[in-house]
Amino acid sequence: MREDGVYLEVEPETEVSFIEIMSLLKRRGIEVDEKLIDEIIKEHRGEVLKISDEVPVSAKEATIEVEISEDGLAASVHIIPPLDESAWPSPQDIEEELRKRGITFGLKKDIIEKICAEKIAHQRIVVAEGIEPIDGEDAEIKVKVDIERLKPKIEDPSVSRVDLRELGAVINVFKGQELAEKIPLKQGRDGISVLGKPIKARQAKDRNLPKGNNTEITEDGLKLIATIDGNLVVRDGKLHVLPVYEVDGDVDYSVGNINFIGSVIVKGSVRDGFTVVAGSDIQVGGVVEAATLRAGGKILIRGGIRGMGKAYVEGESDVMALFIDQTNVRSNSNVIVERSIMHSTVMATEKISVMGGRKGMIVGGSCSAGFEVSCITLGNDIGTKTEIQVGVSPTVQQELKNVTGTLEDLEGKLNSIENNLNYIKRLEMQGRIDQSKKALMLQLSKAKLQLQSNIEFYRTEKQKLEQEMAKTTEACRVKVKGSCYPGVIINMRGISYIVREKMDYVIFYFDKGEIKFTSYS
């Protein structure tokens, strides 16, 4: 400032803003061309240029500018110093200015004192801070089972039809299995503005565990547990566990293979190439084509099995069907058929029965049962080869075969070990044994003892199975209520009887080492 006016010099490296310069000039009552000021700041740094002919006022007190943030959580001051040597504002002056604006909370008195002590000007400094609100966190439900598998899958032309059988539509869960977990909500905390007013936090929302049928919530309210073994389904936003898996139509590419811990009901048919596995029962309303069925319980096929030489049906309990055609069937109980068993391999631990319908036929293939095979018609008038075996439980027979094979393998290993031990002992007698051979001899001796123990166990098991087979043989029967035709071969306890002429109303049985027959009664 000079006698002839006001001059402005902006040093090249100085941080200065247009607003600060204009604010200072305005306080001193100096009117200037704003464009000129902007041009000096941008283009004429380091030069002293006249910006006004007005002579400035000689004295002006300091100015305290107060600003509150939009969220009300901070207040700042901007000190514009006095023009002369007038006194700087005191901390009390700043606090009074803040009170005039209603700022009463969160004052930083140490900062205010520093501003005054160090005469900090032309800076916006935060001198009050509120408390920020903490929003509540909603309760969260985490499903512990992969329910994404239940969503419909879009058929991709690049995926083979074999892959499309594995749609994974069944989710097996077990009693006591955790289905979902609840993470509790966290309450929020209100804040306070620098004006001393509360700032409301967002309130957390609670969520309930999706409890459905056959599920329960633990005492702490944080876990959803299955109360039965079954199929997990999602209905109306809830998790249900169902003991039965139902298919309204056919088991085909729209459904995929089924592997379920409980019972399966198929209201339609099971199409070629598909598999149904159930931990309990299987019920099929239609037919079973060249498919695979395995059940931990019984199997009921109302429409019969048309296997085309590729079907396999296995049940731990009874297997029941309208008919069986070109199919491999195994039951750990009974096979009960209404009309016919045609060109199939059927094995039952107890009985095979084809006594319904007008003919009740068994023609072609082989049927093996532990106690009895009964039918109305056995074989046919063109002499189709039909093998019937009774008196030997297929399950026991297979177990005996497995035990015998294991026993032979163990005895072979024992023989090899004994030969090696004998060789080492001969070396010892000749004084030609070293430490490694002694260690080997000890190792072989231990292995020999273990093998002898295992062999004794399997010999006992074999003896039990042979005794069980002998009991089964004593009560075995083949019962034909109608006609038995040439081409039929009856096997009992290693003895065969070939039917060479038509026989009516006949029962075959085993007695004193031979197969005998008597009239059906």
Protein backbone atom coordinates (compact mmCIF):
# COMPACT_ATOMS: atom_id res chain seq x y z
CA MET A 1 0.00 0.00 0.00
CA ARG A 2 1.33 3.35 -1.00
CA GLU A 3 0.14 6.93 -0.93
CA ASP A 4 -1.01 6.71 -4.54
CA GLY A 5 -2.87 3.47 -4.23
CA VAL A 6 -2.64 -0.26 -3.65
CA TYR A 7 -0.08 -2.55 -5.25
CA LEU A 8 -0.01 -6.35 -5.41
CA GLU A 9 2.99 -8.67 -5.64
CA VAL A 10 2.57 -12.47 -5.70
CA GLU A 11 5.81 -14.31 -5.14
CA PRO A 12 6.42 -17.15 -7.63
CA GLU A 13 6.54 -20.02 -5.09
CA THR A 14 3.81 -18.75 -2.76
CA GLU A 15 0.57 -20.67 -2.25
CA VAL A 16 -2.12 -18.05 -2.51
CA SER A 17 -5.78 -18.16 -3.51
CA PHE A 18 -7.94 -15.69 -5.33
CA ILE A 19 -10.56 -15.89 -2.57
CA GLU A 20 -8.12 -15.00 0.20
CA ILE A 21 -6.84 -11.91 -1.66
CA MET A 22 -10.35 -10.71 -2.47
CA SER A 23 -11.46 -11.26 1.12
CA LEU A 24 -8.54 -9.20 2.43
CA LEU A 25 -9.18 -6.33 -0.03
CA LYS A 26 -12.89 -6.33 0.75
CA ARG A 27 -12.23 -6.06 4.50
CA ARG A 28 -10.15 -3.00 3.85
CA GLY A 29 -12.82 -1.47 1.68
CA ILE A 30 -10.79 -1.59 -1.52
CA GLU A 31 -12.69 -2.10 -4.77
CA VAL A 32 -10.62 -3.82 -7.48
CA ASP A 33 -11.03 -5.50 -10.86
CA GLU A 34 -11.40 -9.22 -10.10
CA LYS A 35 -10.14 -10.20 -13.57
CA LEU A 36 -6.95 -8.21 -12.94
CA ILE A 37 -6.35 -10.02 -9.63
CA ASP A 38 -6.86 -13.40 -11.28
CA GLU A 39 -4.49 -12.44 -14.10
CA ILE A 40 -1.76 -11.36 -11.68
CA ILE A 41 -2.02 -14.63 -9.74
CA LYS A 42 -1.77 -16.71 -12.91
CA GLU A 43 0.57 -14.74 -15.17
CA HIS A 44 2.49 -11.96 -13.35
CA ARG A 45 3.99 -13.55 -10.30
CA GLY A 46 7.03 -11.72 -8.98
CA GLU A 47 5.89 -8.38 -10.40
CA VAL A 48 4.62 -5.41 -8.36
CA LEU A 49 1.50 -4.14 -10.08
CA LYS A 50 -0.94 -1.42 -9.12
CA ILE A 51 -4.44 -2.76 -8.61
CA SER A 52 -6.29 0.30 -7.21
CA ASP A 53 -5.95 4.08 -6.95
CA GLU A 54 -7.86 4.09 -3.66
CA VAL A 55 -5.99 4.84 -0.48
CA PRO A 56 -6.76 2.03 2.06
CA VAL A 57 -8.23 2.53 5.46
CA SER A 58 -5.42 2.70 8.00
CA ALA A 59 -6.94 0.40 10.65
CA LYS A 60 -9.15 -2.64 10.67
CA GLU A 61 -9.76 -5.23 13.40
CA ALA A 62 -9.15 -8.94 12.89
CA THR A 63 -12.01 -11.00 11.48
CA ILE A 64 -13.06 -14.46 12.73
CA GLU A 65 -14.88 -16.46 10.06
CA VAL A 66 -16.71 -19.58 11.29
CA GLU A 67 -17.82 -22.47 9.09
CA ILE A 68 -19.82 -25.59 10.00
CA SER A 69 -19.54 -28.74 7.86
CA GLU A 70 -22.65 -30.00 6.09
CA ASP A 71 -22.91 -33.06 8.35
CA GLY A 72 -22.58 -30.90 11.48
CA LEU A 73 -19.61 -32.93 12.72
CA ALA A 74 -16.95 -30.22 12.40
CA ALA A 75 -16.56 -26.47 12.85
CA SER A 76 -13.59 -24.46 11.62
CA VAL A 77 -12.35 -20.89 11.93
CA HIS A 78 -10.50 -18.71 9.47
CA ILE A 79 -8.63 -15.74 11.01
CA ILE A 80 -8.08 -12.67 8.86
CA PRO A 81 -5.51 -10.61 10.76
CA PRO A 82 -5.87 -6.88 11.64
CA LEU A 83 -4.42 -4.31 9.22
CA ASP A 84 -2.31 -2.63 11.83
CA GLU A 85 -0.84 -3.65 15.13
CA SER A 86 -4.24 -4.03 16.74
CA ALA A 87 -4.63 -6.90 19.15
CA TRP A 88 -5.17 -10.43 17.81
CA PRO A 89 -8.35 -12.14 18.88
CA SER A 90 -8.03 -14.04 22.16
CA PRO A 91 -9.20 -17.65 22.74
CA GLN A 92 -12.21 -16.17 24.53
CA ASP A 93 -13.01 -14.06 21.44
CA ILE A 94 -12.95 -17.17 19.22
CA GLU A 95 -15.04 -19.21 21.66
CA GLU A 96 -17.56 -16.35 21.90
CA GLU A 97 -17.82 -16.26 18.10
CA LEU A 98 -18.39 -20.02 18.10
CA ARG A 99 -21.11 -19.69 20.75
CA LYS A 100 -22.84 -17.05 18.64
CA ARG A 101 -23.12 -19.71 15.91
CA GLY A 102 -24.47 -22.24 18.43
CA ILE A 103 -21.28 -24.31 18.51
CA THR A 104 -21.08 -25.72 22.04
CA PHE A 105 -19.92 -29.34 21.71
CA GLY A 106 -16.50 -30.80 21.06
CA LEU A 107 -14.45 -27.61 21.32
CA LYS A 108 -10.71 -28.13 20.84
CA LYS A 109 -9.42 -25.52 23.27
CA ASP A 110 -5.80 -26.48 22.75
CA ILE A 111 -6.14 -25.80 19.03
CA ILE A 112 -7.88 -22.47 19.69
CA GLU A 113 -5.06 -21.43 22.04
CA LYS A 114 -2.45 -22.43 19.46
CA ILE A 115 -4.14 -20.30 16.77
CA CYS A 116 -3.96 -17.28 19.04
CA ALA A 117 -0.46 -17.93 20.37
CA GLU A 118 1.08 -18.51 16.94
CA LYS A 119 -1.17 -15.97 15.17
CA ILE A 120 -2.17 -18.47 12.52
CA ALA A 121 -3.99 -16.61 9.78
CA HIS A 122 -5.45 -17.32 6.36
CA GLN A 123 -5.98 -21.01 7.18
CA ARG A 124 -9.20 -22.84 7.85
CA ILE A 125 -8.59 -24.84 11.04
CA VAL A 126 -10.99 -27.29 12.71
CA VAL A 127 -11.68 -26.15 16.27
CA ALA A 128 -14.66 -28.34 17.19
CA GLU A 129 -15.59 -31.94 16.37
CA GLY A 130 -18.79 -33.83 17.04
CA ILE A 131 -19.23 -37.57 17.54
CA GLU A 132 -19.98 -39.47 14.36
CA PRO A 133 -22.99 -41.81 14.53
CA ILE A 134 -22.30 -45.54 14.10
CA ASP A 135 -25.00 -47.23 12.04
CA GLY A 136 -26.41 -50.51 13.29
CA GLU A 137 -25.54 -53.73 11.44
CA ASP A 138 -28.47 -55.89 10.36
CA ALA A 139 -28.71 -59.49 11.50
CA GLU A 140 -27.38 -61.87 8.86
CA ILE A 141 -28.48 -65.38 7.94
CA LYS A 142 -25.82 -67.70 6.52
CA VAL A 143 -27.15 -70.87 4.89
CA LYS A 144 -24.71 -73.72 5.53
CA VAL A 145 -25.96 -75.92 2.67
CA ASP A 146 -25.40 -75.31 -1.04
CA ILE A 147 -28.96 -74.34 -2.03
CA GLU A 148 -27.67 -72.85 -5.29
CA ARG A 149 -27.93 -76.41 -6.64
CA LEU A 150 -31.72 -76.10 -6.41
CA LYS A 151 -31.85 -73.29 -8.96
CA PRO A 152 -32.93 -74.30 -12.49
CA LYS A 153 -30.01 -74.83 -14.85
CA ILE A 154 -30.08 -73.56 -18.42
CA GLU A 155 -29.19 -76.28 -20.86
CA ASP A 156 -25.97 -75.42 -22.64
CA PRO A 157 -25.58 -77.05 -26.08
CA SER A 158 -21.88 -77.57 -25.30
CA VAL A 159 -22.71 -79.82 -22.31
CA SER A 160 -23.14 -83.51 -23.09
CA ARG A 161 -26.36 -85.27 -22.20
CA VAL A 162 -24.42 -87.50 -19.82
CA ASP A 163 -23.47 -84.40 -17.81
CA LEU A 164 -27.04 -83.15 -17.85
CA ARG A 165 -28.11 -86.26 -15.94
CA GLU A 166 -26.19 -84.87 -12.95
CA LEU A 167 -28.43 -81.89 -12.19
CA GLY A 168 -27.94 -82.24 -8.43
CA ALA A 169 -31.59 -81.50 -7.65
CA VAL A 170 -31.51 -83.47 -4.38
CA ILE A 171 -29.81 -82.06 -1.29
CA ASN A 172 -29.38 -84.73 1.36
CA VAL A 173 -29.16 -83.56 4.96
CA PHE A 174 -28.81 -85.56 8.15
CA LYS A 175 -30.48 -85.34 11.54
CA GLY A 176 -28.57 -82.84 13.65
CA GLN A 177 -26.93 -81.18 10.63
CA GLU A 178 -26.60 -77.40 10.79
CA LEU A 179 -28.65 -75.81 8.00
CA ALA A 180 -28.30 -72.10 8.73
CA GLU A 181 -26.57 -69.75 11.15
CA LYS A 182 -27.74 -66.39 12.43
CA ILE A 183 -25.22 -63.61 13.03
CA PRO A 184 -26.98 -61.29 15.53
CA LEU A 185 -27.62 -57.64 14.76
CA LYS A 186 -25.35 -54.97 16.19
CA GLN A 187 -27.06 -51.93 17.63
CA GLY A 188 -25.95 -48.54 16.35
CA ARG A 189 -24.89 -45.48 18.36
CA ASP A 190 -26.26 -41.97 17.87
CA GLY A 191 -23.81 -39.17 17.24
CA ILE A 192 -23.67 -35.53 18.44
CA SER A 193 -23.14 -32.51 16.21
CA VAL A 194 -20.95 -29.55 17.15
CA LEU A 195 -24.23 -27.74 17.81
CA GLY A 196 -24.91 -30.26 20.59
CA LYS A 197 -27.77 -31.90 18.71
CA PRO A 198 -28.13 -35.68 18.36
CA ILE A 199 -27.42 -37.28 14.97
CA LYS A 200 -29.53 -40.39 14.62
CA ALA A 201 -27.77 -43.62 13.60
CA ARG A 202 -29.46 -46.11 11.25
CA GLN A 203 -31.19 -48.73 13.36
CA ALA A 204 -30.28 -52.40 12.75
CA LYS A 205 -32.93 -54.79 11.46
CA ASP A 206 -33.36 -58.24 12.94
CA ARG A 207 -33.88 -61.38 10.83
CA ASN A 208 -35.36 -64.72 11.77
CA LEU A 209 -33.83 -68.09 10.94
CA PRO A 210 -35.81 -69.71 8.06
CA LYS A 211 -37.37 -72.46 10.18
CA GLY A 212 -39.49 -74.91 8.18
CA ASN A 213 -40.80 -78.43 8.63
CA ASN A 214 -38.57 -80.91 10.47
CA THR A 215 -36.11 -78.27 11.64
CA GLU A 216 -35.44 -76.67 15.01
CA ILE A 217 -33.62 -73.65 16.35
CA THR A 218 -30.96 -74.16 19.01
CA GLU A 219 -31.49 -72.73 22.50
CA ASP A 220 -29.18 -69.79 21.82
CA GLY A 221 -31.34 -68.88 18.81
CA LEU A 222 -28.37 -68.81 16.47
CA LYS A 223 -28.51 -72.11 14.56
CA LEU A 224 -31.11 -73.99 12.51
CA ILE A 225 -30.78 -77.77 12.78
CA ALA A 226 -32.40 -80.65 10.84
CA THR A 227 -34.46 -82.96 13.07
CA ILE A 228 -34.61 -85.83 10.54
CA ASP A 229 -32.63 -87.27 7.66
CA GLY A 230 -34.12 -86.04 4.42
CA ASN A 231 -34.25 -83.78 1.40
CA LEU A 232 -33.69 -80.05 1.91
CA VAL A 233 -36.13 -77.84 0.02
CA VAL A 234 -36.76 -74.09 0.03
CA ARG A 235 -40.41 -73.01 0.14
CA ASP A 236 -41.73 -69.54 0.93
CA GLY A 237 -38.29 -68.49 2.07
CA LYS A 238 -38.01 -71.28 4.63
CA LEU A 239 -35.84 -74.39 4.82
CA HIS A 240 -37.79 -77.65 5.05
CA VAL A 241 -36.44 -81.20 5.43
CA LEU A 242 -38.68 -83.78 3.79
CA PRO A 243 -38.38 -87.53 4.46
CA VAL A 244 -39.58 -88.36 0.94
CA TYR A 245 -38.31 -87.03 -2.39
CA GLU A 246 -41.12 -86.90 -4.95
CA VAL A 247 -40.88 -86.60 -8.71
CA ASP A 248 -44.22 -85.62 -10.24
CA GLY A 249 -43.31 -86.92 -13.69
CA ASP A 250 -40.50 -88.99 -15.21
CA VAL A 251 -36.88 -89.24 -14.13
CA ASP A 252 -35.32 -87.84 -17.29
CA TYR A 253 -33.10 -84.93 -18.35
CA SER A 254 -35.44 -82.45 -16.65
CA VAL A 255 -34.80 -84.13 -13.29
CA GLY A 256 -31.43 -85.86 -13.58
CA ASN A 257 -30.08 -88.71 -11.50
CA ILE A 258 -31.37 -88.99 -7.94
CA ASN A 259 -29.31 -89.89 -4.88
CA PHE A 260 -31.41 -89.42 -1.76
CA ILE A 261 -30.94 -90.45 1.85
CA GLY A 262 -34.65 -91.21 2.38
CA SER A 263 -37.46 -92.62 0.24
CA VAL A 264 -38.06 -91.71 -3.40
CA ILE A 265 -41.44 -91.66 -5.13
CA VAL A 266 -41.44 -91.34 -8.92
CA LYS A 267 -44.97 -90.81 -10.21
CA GLY A 268 -43.89 -91.36 -13.80
CA SER A 269 -41.20 -93.63 -15.29
CA VAL A 270 -37.43 -93.91 -14.98
CA ARG A 271 -36.01 -93.42 -18.45
CA ASP A 272 -33.00 -94.98 -20.19
CA GLY A 273 -29.61 -94.30 -18.63
CA PHE A 274 -30.78 -92.66 -15.41
CA THR A 275 -30.02 -93.70 -11.84
CA VAL A 276 -32.18 -93.56 -8.72
CA VAL A 277 -30.47 -94.31 -5.39
CA ALA A 278 -32.43 -94.15 -2.12
CA GLY A 279 -31.39 -94.78 1.46
CA SER A 280 -34.87 -96.14 2.12
CA ASP A 281 -37.65 -97.18 -0.32
CA ILE A 282 -38.17 -96.51 -4.03
CA GLN A 283 -41.62 -96.42 -5.61
CA VAL A 284 -42.12 -95.99 -9.36
CA GLY A 285 -45.58 -95.41 -10.77
CA GLY A 286 -44.61 -96.12 -14.37
CA VAL A 287 -42.01 -98.38 -15.95
CA VAL A 288 -38.27 -98.64 -15.43
CA GLU A 289 -36.34 -98.68 -18.69
CA ALA A 290 -32.60 -99.36 -19.10
CA ALA A 291 -31.91 -97.61 -15.80
CA THR A 292 -30.32 -98.31 -12.42
CA LEU A 293 -32.22 -98.44 -9.11
CA ARG A 294 -30.65 -99.05 -5.70
CA ALA A 295 -32.60 -98.89 -2.45
CA GLY A 296 -31.74 -99.36 1.20
CA GLY A 297 -35.32 -100.54 1.68
CA LYS A 298 -37.92 -102.04 -0.63
CA ILE A 299 -38.57 -101.28 -4.30
CA LEU A 300 -42.03 -101.16 -5.88
CA ILE A 301 -42.32 -100.75 -9.66
CA ARG A 302 -45.99 -100.61 -10.61
CA GLY A 303 -45.36 -100.57 -14.34
CA GLY A 304 -42.65 -103.24 -14.49
CA ILE A 305 -39.07 -103.24 -15.74
CA ARG A 306 -38.22 -103.19 -19.44
CA GLY A 307 -34.46 -103.37 -19.10
CA MET A 308 -33.28 -104.17 -22.65
CA GLY A 309 -30.34 -106.02 -21.08
CA LYS A 310 -29.00 -102.86 -19.40
CA ALA A 311 -31.19 -102.30 -16.32
CA TYR A 312 -29.98 -103.06 -12.80
CA VAL A 313 -32.29 -103.09 -9.78
CA GLU A 314 -31.08 -103.79 -6.24
CA GLY A 315 -32.99 -103.60 -2.97
CA GLU A 316 -32.06 -104.41 0.63
CA SER A 317 -35.69 -105.44 1.18
CA ASP A 318 -38.39 -106.78 -1.16
CA VAL A 319 -38.32 -105.93 -4.87
CA MET A 320 -41.83 -105.90 -6.35
CA ALA A 321 -42.76 -105.34 -9.99
CA LEU A 322 -45.53 -105.95 -12.50
CA PHE A 323 -43.01 -107.73 -14.73
CA ILE A 324 -39.24 -108.06 -15.21
CA ASP A 325 -37.83 -108.22 -18.72
CA GLN A 326 -34.11 -108.44 -19.61
CA THR A 327 -32.98 -107.04 -16.27
CA ASN A 328 -30.46 -107.84 -13.55
CA VAL A 329 -32.29 -107.85 -10.19
CA ARG A 330 -30.93 -108.46 -6.68
CA SER A 331 -32.82 -108.47 -3.40
CA ASN A 332 -31.62 -109.08 0.12
CA SER A 333 -35.11 -110.38 0.84
CA ASN A 334 -37.79 -111.39 -1.70
CA VAL A 335 -38.52 -110.70 -5.36
CA ILE A 336 -42.27 -110.61 -5.93
CA VAL A 337 -43.55 -110.29 -9.52
CA GLU A 338 -47.14 -110.31 -10.70
CA ARG A 339 -46.93 -111.34 -14.36
CA SER A 340 -43.54 -112.57 -15.61
CA ILE A 341 -39.76 -112.73 -15.36
CA MET A 342 -38.37 -112.88 -18.89
CA HIS A 343 -34.72 -113.41 -19.91
CA SER A 344 -33.39 -111.84 -16.72
CA THR A 345 -30.92 -112.57 -13.95
CA VAL A 346 -32.77 -112.46 -10.63
CA MET A 347 -31.27 -113.19 -7.21
CA ALA A 348 -33.05 -113.13 -3.85
CA THR A 349 -31.78 -114.02 -0.40
CA GLU A 350 -35.12 -115.59 0.50
CA LYS A 351 -37.80 -116.16 -2.17
CA ILE A 352 -38.72 -115.40 -5.78
CA SER A 353 -42.44 -115.45 -6.52
CA VAL A 354 -44.35 -114.99 -9.81
CA MET A 355 -47.83 -116.04 -8.77
CA GLY A 356 -50.05 -113.22 -10.03
CA GLY A 357 -51.81 -112.89 -13.35
CA ARG A 358 -53.02 -115.74 -15.53
CA LYS A 359 -49.66 -117.31 -16.42
CA GLY A 360 -47.14 -116.13 -13.80
CA MET A 361 -44.18 -117.03 -16.02
CA ILE A 362 -40.45 -117.43 -15.54
CA VAL A 363 -38.84 -117.87 -18.96
CA GLY A 364 -35.15 -117.62 -19.92
CA GLY A 365 -32.23 -116.31 -17.90
CA SER A 366 -31.60 -117.46 -14.35
CA CYS A 367 -33.30 -117.13 -10.97
CA SER A 368 -31.47 -117.82 -7.69
CA ALA A 369 -33.12 -117.83 -4.27
CA GLY A 370 -32.05 -118.90 -0.81
CA PHE A 371 -35.24 -120.83 -0.01
CA GLU A 372 -37.85 -120.91 -2.73
CA VAL A 373 -38.80 -120.09 -6.31
CA SER A 374 -42.52 -120.28 -7.06
CA CYS A 375 -44.43 -119.57 -10.26
CA ILE A 376 -47.37 -120.73 -12.37
CA THR A 377 -45.40 -121.40 -15.56
CA LEU A 378 -41.71 -122.32 -15.66
CA GLY A 379 -40.04 -122.26 -19.09
CA ASN A 380 -42.03 -122.44 -22.34
CA ASP A 381 -43.11 -124.89 -25.01
CA ILE A 382 -40.17 -124.03 -27.32
CA GLY A 383 -37.62 -125.18 -24.75
CA THR A 384 -36.01 -121.83 -23.86
CA LYS A 385 -33.14 -122.47 -21.45
CA THR A 386 -34.23 -121.38 -17.97
CA GLU A 387 -31.99 -121.94 -14.93
CA ILE A 388 -33.34 -122.07 -11.39
CA GLN A 389 -31.09 -122.31 -8.34
CA VAL A 390 -32.37 -122.64 -4.78
CA GLY A 391 -30.87 -123.59 -1.46
CA VAL A 392 -28.03 -121.12 -1.68
CA SER A 393 -28.52 -117.52 -0.62
CA PRO A 394 -26.90 -115.34 -3.31
CA THR A 395 -25.68 -113.01 -0.59
CA VAL A 396 -24.21 -115.80 1.52
CA GLN A 397 -22.77 -117.40 -1.61
CA GLN A 398 -21.02 -114.16 -2.56
CA GLU A 399 -19.74 -113.68 0.99
CA LEU A 400 -18.41 -117.24 1.00
CA LYS A 401 -16.70 -116.62 -2.33
CA ASN A 402 -15.08 -113.43 -0.98
CA VAL A 403 -13.96 -115.10 2.26
CA THR A 404 -12.56 -118.09 0.39
CA GLY A 405 -10.61 -115.81 -1.94
CA THR A 406 -9.20 -113.80 0.97
CA LEU A 407 -8.27 -116.98 2.83
CA GLU A 408 -6.41 -118.38 -0.19
CA ASP A 409 -4.52 -115.10 -0.58
CA LEU A 410 -3.48 -115.07 3.10
CA GLU A 411 -2.38 -118.71 3.00
CA GLY A 412 -0.25 -117.95 -0.06
CA LYS A 413 1.46 -115.08 1.75
CA LEU A 414 2.04 -117.26 4.82
CA ASN A 415 3.66 -119.95 2.68
CA SER A 416 5.99 -117.36 1.12
CA ILE A 417 7.01 -116.00 4.54
CA GLU A 418 7.69 -119.49 5.89
CA ASN A 419 9.95 -120.27 2.90
CA ASN A 420 11.94 -117.07 3.50
CA LEU A 421 12.25 -117.80 7.22
CA ASN A 422 13.51 -121.33 6.53
CA TYR A 423 16.15 -119.94 4.15
CA ILE A 424 17.41 -117.40 6.73
CA LYS A 425 17.51 -120.10 9.43
CA ARG A 426 19.71 -122.27 7.19
CA LEU A 427 22.07 -119.31 6.76
CA GLU A 428 22.13 -118.90 10.54
CA MET A 429 23.06 -122.55 11.05
CA GLN A 430 25.92 -122.08 8.58
CA GLY A 431 27.14 -118.95 10.39
CA ARG A 432 26.50 -116.81 7.34
CA ILE A 433 23.89 -114.43 8.78
CA ASP A 434 24.54 -110.69 9.23
CA GLN A 435 22.65 -108.01 11.16
CA SER A 436 20.36 -107.10 8.23
CA LYS A 437 19.28 -110.74 7.89
CA LYS A 438 18.60 -110.94 11.63
CA ALA A 439 16.41 -107.82 11.40
CA LEU A 440 14.58 -109.31 8.41
CA MET A 441 14.02 -112.58 10.29
CA LEU A 442 12.44 -110.66 13.19
CA GLN A 443 10.22 -108.71 10.81
CA LEU A 444 9.09 -111.88 8.99
CA SER A 445 8.36 -113.63 12.29
CA LYS A 446 6.03 -110.80 13.35
CA ALA A 447 4.28 -110.86 9.97
CA LYS A 448 3.84 -114.64 10.26
CA LEU A 449 2.08 -114.30 13.62
CA GLN A 450 -0.28 -111.65 12.23
CA LEU A 451 -1.09 -113.75 9.15
CA GLN A 452 -1.78 -116.83 11.27
CA SER A 453 -4.23 -114.79 13.36
CA ASN A 454 -5.99 -113.47 10.24
CA ILE A 455 -6.16 -116.94 8.68
CA GLU A 456 -7.78 -118.35 11.82
CA PHE A 457 -10.40 -115.57 11.71
CA TYR A 458 -11.31 -116.17 8.03
CA ARG A 459 -11.41 -119.96 8.51
CA THR A 460 -13.99 -119.45 11.26
CA GLU A 461 -16.00 -117.10 9.02
CA LYS A 462 -15.90 -119.62 6.18
CA GLN A 463 -17.15 -122.37 8.47
CA LYS A 464 -20.07 -120.20 9.64
CA LEU A 465 -21.08 -119.38 6.06
CA GLU A 466 -20.91 -123.03 5.00
CA GLN A 467 -23.15 -123.97 7.93
CA GLU A 468 -25.61 -121.24 6.98
CA MET A 469 -25.69 -122.50 3.38
CA ALA A 470 -26.35 -126.04 4.61
CA LYS A 471 -29.36 -124.85 6.63
CA THR A 472 -30.75 -123.00 3.62
CA THR A 473 -30.44 -126.08 1.42
CA GLU A 474 -32.51 -128.25 3.75
CA ALA A 475 -35.65 -126.13 3.31
CA CYS A 476 -35.34 -125.20 -0.38
CA ARG A 477 -38.19 -125.67 -2.89
CA VAL A 478 -39.10 -124.94 -6.51
CA LYS A 479 -42.89 -124.79 -6.79
CA VAL A 480 -44.71 -124.77 -10.14
CA LYS A 481 -48.47 -124.35 -9.84
CA GLY A 482 -49.01 -124.85 -13.57
CA SER A 483 -46.62 -126.26 -16.18
CA CYS A 484 -42.85 -126.82 -16.14
CA TYR A 485 -41.35 -127.24 -19.64
CA PRO A 486 -38.26 -128.94 -21.08
CA GLY A 487 -35.27 -126.60 -21.15
CA VAL A 488 -35.59 -125.86 -17.45
CA ILE A 489 -32.57 -126.70 -15.26
CA ILE A 490 -33.04 -127.02 -11.49
CA ASN A 491 -29.91 -126.60 -9.31
CA MET A 492 -29.77 -127.49 -5.63
CA ARG A 493 -26.58 -127.79 -3.58
CA GLY A 494 -24.39 -128.52 -6.58
CA ILE A 495 -26.84 -131.08 -8.02
CA SER A 496 -28.66 -130.35 -11.29
CA TYR A 497 -31.95 -131.70 -12.60
CA ILE A 498 -32.73 -131.17 -16.29
CA VAL A 499 -36.43 -131.18 -17.16
CA ARG A 500 -36.82 -133.29 -20.32
CA GLU A 501 -40.58 -133.44 -20.57
CA LYS A 502 -43.48 -131.22 -19.58
CA MET A 503 -44.44 -131.55 -15.92
CA ASP A 504 -47.61 -130.11 -14.35
CA TYR A 505 -48.32 -129.08 -10.75
CA VAL A 506 -44.90 -130.06 -9.45
CA ILE A 507 -42.65 -129.23 -6.49
CA PHE A 508 -38.89 -129.90 -6.66
CA TYR A 509 -36.97 -130.41 -3.39
CA PHE A 510 -33.60 -131.69 -2.15
CA ASP A 511 -33.43 -134.94 -0.21
CA LYS A 512 -30.51 -137.24 0.62
CA GLY A 513 -28.12 -135.85 -1.96
CA GLU A 514 -30.54 -135.70 -4.90
CA ILE A 515 -33.30 -133.54 -6.36
CA LYS A 516 -36.75 -135.08 -6.06
CA PHE A 517 -40.21 -133.89 -7.05
CA THR A 518 -43.74 -134.32 -5.84
CA SER A 519 -47.21 -133.06 -6.73
CA TYR A 520 -48.12 -129.43 -6.05
CA SER A 521 -50.66 -129.20 -3.28
